[in-house]
Amino acid sequence: MADEEKLNKVFSSFNGTENELIPVLQKVQEECGFLSEEAMLEIAKFLRIPESRVYTVATFYSQFRFTPVGKNHICLCRGTACHVKGAPKILEQLKTNLNIDEGETTADMKFSLESVACIGACGLAPTIVINKNTYGRLDATKVDKIITKILSLEEGGQNEN
């Protein structure tokens, strides 16, 4: 579905009032994967507000992304429990395996990597979330197996999600 179609689909479920800005941003990101410059301009037009207002709100909240994420979006928990139980080592392992840094996406668009403050799974520390799947009690070997499994599922034409 083209971005214009996606935007029209999102806009159809809203009234077009300024108080809908955050929900519209969230829904556009959910549909498109990120907030492109073009999408934010269209949101401003739809809500009849200045473009600067859309940019101000979108850049204020850390939940919004302005670049595409990979098919497998990895969120590493950096909360206290995860940090103490080895999140920095897990981050280094992921960076090495994927050959990307935090906030980056692999060239083939298969993986993106970001750190988040806390995912709320402290009892499973250290944890990552890939798309909507949570993986806990991680070490370097488990991280390698998870990435290998995702890659093998994709090569087999199947999807883990």
Foldseek 3Di string as FASTA:
>chain_A
DDLVVQLVVLLVVDDLAPVCLVVSQVSSCVSVVAQELVNLVVNCVSNVHDSVVSVVVQVVDPVHHHDHAAPWEKEWEPEPLQVVLDSVQVQVLVCVVQVHHAPDAHPVSHGHYHYDHHPPPSVFHGWMATPNDIDGPDDSVVSVVVVVVQVVCVVVVHHPD
